């Protein structure tokens, strides 16, 4: 019995190969952590890029006095170029909104692709519209970008990033659309 105890004690006191075993236990955790971190970073970077691109499009439109549907389509191509996506994966909607009395009215709205325009005052996202004077006009620029995460096990699902930016026309009282 003493010989068995001494052989077992010697076996359990040996440390050869422990680094390999620890590596085999820790490596999958590190790989999952790095991949998950990359997925979260990528999601945040894509969202941030979509916000910046939307602000850029809104700024360009605020400097115009008149646009047409072809110009809005070119803004969609520019937005897709900023996002490094095809124009099938992104779309924008530009709406001119005017305050009439105590309510808002849609002057015109143009969406790219086969997407819907804003039609009625009920469609206006009133929560983001600032206080306006009577007959004052603003431009609502909305962008939509499809996002698919690098990995799906970290809890980020495929989604569409939607941004809404409100700007005032700079050089005219209202942005006109010659096609509306």
Protein backbone atom coordinates (compact mmCIF):
# COMPACT_ATOMS: atom_id res chain seq x y z
CA UNK A 1 0.00 0.00 0.00
CA UNK A 2 2.90 2.41 0.73
CA UNK A 3 4.37 1.77 -2.71
CA UNK A 4 1.01 2.61 -4.34
CA UNK A 5 0.74 5.83 -2.30
CA UNK A 6 4.24 6.93 -3.22
CA UNK A 7 3.69 6.20 -6.94
CA UNK A 8 0.38 8.15 -6.91
CA UNK A 9 1.99 11.04 -5.04
CA UNK A 10 4.86 11.13 -7.55
CA UNK A 11 2.36 10.98 -10.47
CA UNK A 12 0.27 13.90 -9.16
CA UNK A 13 3.32 16.03 -8.35
CA UNK A 14 4.68 15.91 -11.89
CA UNK A 15 4.11 19.09 -13.86
CA UNK A 16 5.16 18.17 -17.40
CA UNK A 17 2.50 19.10 -19.93
CA UNK A 18 0.50 21.46 -17.71
CA UNK A 19 1.21 24.40 -19.99
CA UNK A 20 -0.20 22.49 -22.95
CA UNK A 21 -3.32 21.54 -21.01
CA UNK A 22 -3.83 25.13 -19.82
CA UNK A 23 -3.36 26.37 -23.38
CA UNK A 24 -5.93 23.88 -24.69
CA UNK A 25 -8.43 25.09 -22.08
CA UNK A 26 -7.77 28.82 -22.51
CA UNK A 27 -7.33 29.05 -26.29
CA UNK A 28 -11.00 28.53 -27.28
CA UNK A 29 -12.03 31.14 -24.71
CA UNK A 30 -9.52 33.64 -26.10
CA UNK A 31 -10.58 32.95 -29.69
CA UNK A 32 -14.27 33.44 -28.83
CA UNK A 33 -13.45 36.61 -26.89
CA UNK A 34 -11.42 38.11 -29.75
CA UNK A 35 -14.05 37.17 -32.36
CA UNK A 36 -16.86 38.56 -30.18
CA UNK A 37 -14.92 41.79 -29.60
CA UNK A 38 -14.37 42.14 -33.33
CA UNK A 39 -18.10 41.63 -33.96
CA UNK A 40 -19.10 44.31 -31.43
CA UNK A 41 -16.48 46.71 -32.77
CA UNK A 42 -17.63 46.09 -36.35
CA UNK A 43 -21.28 46.72 -35.44
CA UNK A 44 -20.41 49.97 -33.67
CA UNK A 45 -18.11 51.09 -36.50
CA UNK A 46 -20.78 50.43 -39.16
CA UNK A 47 -23.40 52.31 -37.16
CA UNK A 48 -21.06 55.26 -36.60
CA UNK A 49 -20.14 55.32 -40.27
CA UNK A 50 -23.84 55.35 -41.25
CA UNK A 51 -24.52 58.30 -38.93
CA UNK A 52 -21.58 60.28 -40.35
CA UNK A 53 -22.62 59.50 -43.92
CA UNK A 54 -26.20 60.57 -43.18
CA UNK A 55 -24.98 63.87 -41.72
CA UNK A 56 -22.86 64.41 -44.83
CA UNK A 57 -25.82 63.82 -47.15
CA UNK A 58 -28.00 66.11 -45.01
CA UNK A 59 -25.34 68.84 -45.12
CA UNK A 60 -25.05 68.59 -48.91
CA UNK A 61 -28.83 68.82 -49.31
CA UNK A 62 -29.08 71.79 -46.93
CA UNK A 63 -26.82 73.77 -49.28
CA UNK A 64 -29.10 73.21 -52.31
CA UNK A 65 -32.04 75.35 -53.33
CA UNK A 66 -33.66 72.86 -55.71
CA UNK A 67 -33.25 69.13 -56.30
CA UNK A 68 -34.91 66.46 -58.42
CA UNK A 69 -35.35 62.71 -58.08
CA UNK A 70 -32.16 62.03 -60.06
CA UNK A 71 -30.22 64.19 -57.62
CA UNK A 72 -31.67 62.21 -54.68
CA UNK A 73 -30.64 58.98 -56.46
CA UNK A 74 -27.11 60.36 -56.83
CA UNK A 75 -27.12 61.10 -53.07
CA UNK A 76 -28.08 57.45 -52.51
CA UNK A 77 -25.12 56.34 -54.65
CA UNK A 78 -22.86 58.66 -52.66
CA UNK A 79 -24.24 57.24 -49.42
CA UNK A 80 -23.65 53.68 -50.68
CA UNK A 81 -20.11 54.68 -51.63
CA UNK A 82 -19.50 56.06 -48.12
CA UNK A 83 -20.80 52.82 -46.64
CA UNK A 84 -18.89 50.67 -49.16
CA UNK A 85 -22.12 48.83 -49.91
CA UNK A 86 -24.10 48.21 -53.06
CA UNK A 87 -27.07 50.50 -53.65
CA UNK A 88 -29.31 47.46 -53.04
CA UNK A 89 -28.25 47.33 -49.37
CA UNK A 90 -28.76 51.03 -48.59
CA UNK A 91 -31.46 53.58 -49.27
CA UNK A 92 -32.33 57.10 -48.28
CA UNK A 93 -35.50 59.15 -48.02
CA UNK A 94 -35.51 62.95 -48.21
CA UNK A 95 -38.58 64.85 -47.04
CA UNK A 96 -39.33 68.56 -46.95
CA UNK A 97 -41.52 69.39 -43.96
CA UNK A 98 -43.24 72.71 -43.28
CA UNK A 99 -45.01 73.93 -40.18
CA UNK A 100 -48.49 75.21 -40.97
CA UNK A 101 -50.26 76.63 -37.94
CA UNK A 102 -49.87 74.15 -35.09
CA UNK A 103 -49.15 71.11 -37.26
CA UNK A 104 -46.57 69.82 -39.66
CA UNK A 105 -47.17 69.07 -43.34
CA UNK A 106 -45.15 67.12 -45.90
CA UNK A 107 -44.25 69.38 -48.84
CA UNK A 108 -42.64 66.55 -50.78
CA UNK A 109 -40.86 63.29 -50.09
CA UNK A 110 -38.60 61.14 -52.25
CA UNK A 111 -37.31 57.68 -51.35
CA UNK A 112 -34.75 55.81 -53.41
CA UNK A 113 -35.36 52.41 -54.91
CA UNK A 114 -38.78 50.88 -54.40
CA UNK A 115 -39.21 52.25 -50.90
CA UNK A 116 -42.10 54.37 -49.65
CA UNK A 117 -42.19 58.14 -49.43
CA UNK A 118 -43.49 59.94 -46.37
CA UNK A 119 -47.03 60.84 -47.36
CA UNK A 120 -49.01 62.18 -44.44
CA UNK A 121 -48.28 64.31 -41.41
CA UNK A 122 -48.87 61.21 -39.26
CA UNK A 123 -45.73 59.66 -40.78
CA UNK A 124 -43.52 62.54 -39.59
CA UNK A 125 -41.35 61.53 -36.60
CA UNK A 126 -42.49 64.44 -34.41
CA UNK A 127 -40.12 63.51 -31.58
CA UNK A 128 -37.05 64.62 -33.55
CA UNK A 129 -38.60 67.72 -35.18
CA UNK A 130 -37.44 70.92 -33.43
CA UNK A 131 -39.77 73.79 -32.62
CA UNK A 132 -40.42 75.70 -35.82
CA UNK A 133 -41.94 79.05 -36.62
CA UNK A 134 -45.11 79.16 -38.67
CA UNK A 135 -44.32 78.46 -42.38
CA UNK A 136 -40.74 77.48 -41.56
CA UNK A 137 -39.39 74.54 -43.54
CA UNK A 138 -36.89 71.80 -42.69
CA UNK A 139 -35.35 68.83 -44.46
CA UNK A 140 -35.63 65.34 -42.96
CA UNK A 141 -32.97 62.94 -44.25
CA UNK A 142 -33.41 59.30 -43.34
CA UNK A 143 -30.92 56.56 -44.17
CA UNK A 144 -31.28 52.81 -43.95
CA UNK A 145 -28.35 50.36 -44.02
CA UNK A 146 -28.53 46.58 -43.77
CA UNK A 147 -26.05 45.11 -41.30
CA UNK A 148 -25.09 41.45 -40.91
CA UNK A 149 -22.70 40.67 -38.05
CA UNK A 150 -19.44 38.83 -38.56
CA UNK A 151 -20.54 36.19 -36.02
CA UNK A 152 -24.03 35.59 -34.68
CA UNK A 153 -23.25 33.90 -31.36
CA UNK A 154 -22.47 37.16 -29.51
CA UNK A 155 -26.07 38.40 -29.41
CA UNK A 156 -26.04 40.89 -32.27
CA UNK A 157 -28.63 39.98 -34.88
CA UNK A 158 -28.85 41.13 -38.48
CA UNK A 159 -30.58 44.48 -38.54
CA UNK A 160 -31.14 47.66 -40.46
CA UNK A 161 -29.52 50.79 -39.09
CA UNK A 162 -31.98 53.66 -39.52
CA UNK A 163 -30.83 57.26 -39.01
CA UNK A 164 -32.93 60.41 -39.06
CA UNK A 165 -31.32 63.83 -39.41
CA UNK A 166 -33.16 67.16 -39.49
CA UNK A 167 -31.50 70.20 -41.09
CA UNK A 168 -32.64 73.64 -42.16
CA UNK A 169 -32.11 74.83 -45.72
CA UNK A 170 -29.22 77.29 -45.75
CA UNK A 171 -29.68 79.38 -48.88
CA UNK A 172 -33.45 79.29 -49.39
CA UNK A 173 -36.50 79.23 -47.18
CA UNK A 174 -37.35 75.77 -48.46
CA UNK A 175 -35.69 72.99 -50.47
CA UNK A 176 -37.70 72.60 -53.66
CA UNK A 177 -38.08 69.39 -55.66
CA UNK A 178 -38.65 70.04 -59.36
CA UNK A 179 -40.09 66.51 -59.86
CA UNK A 180 -42.82 66.86 -57.20
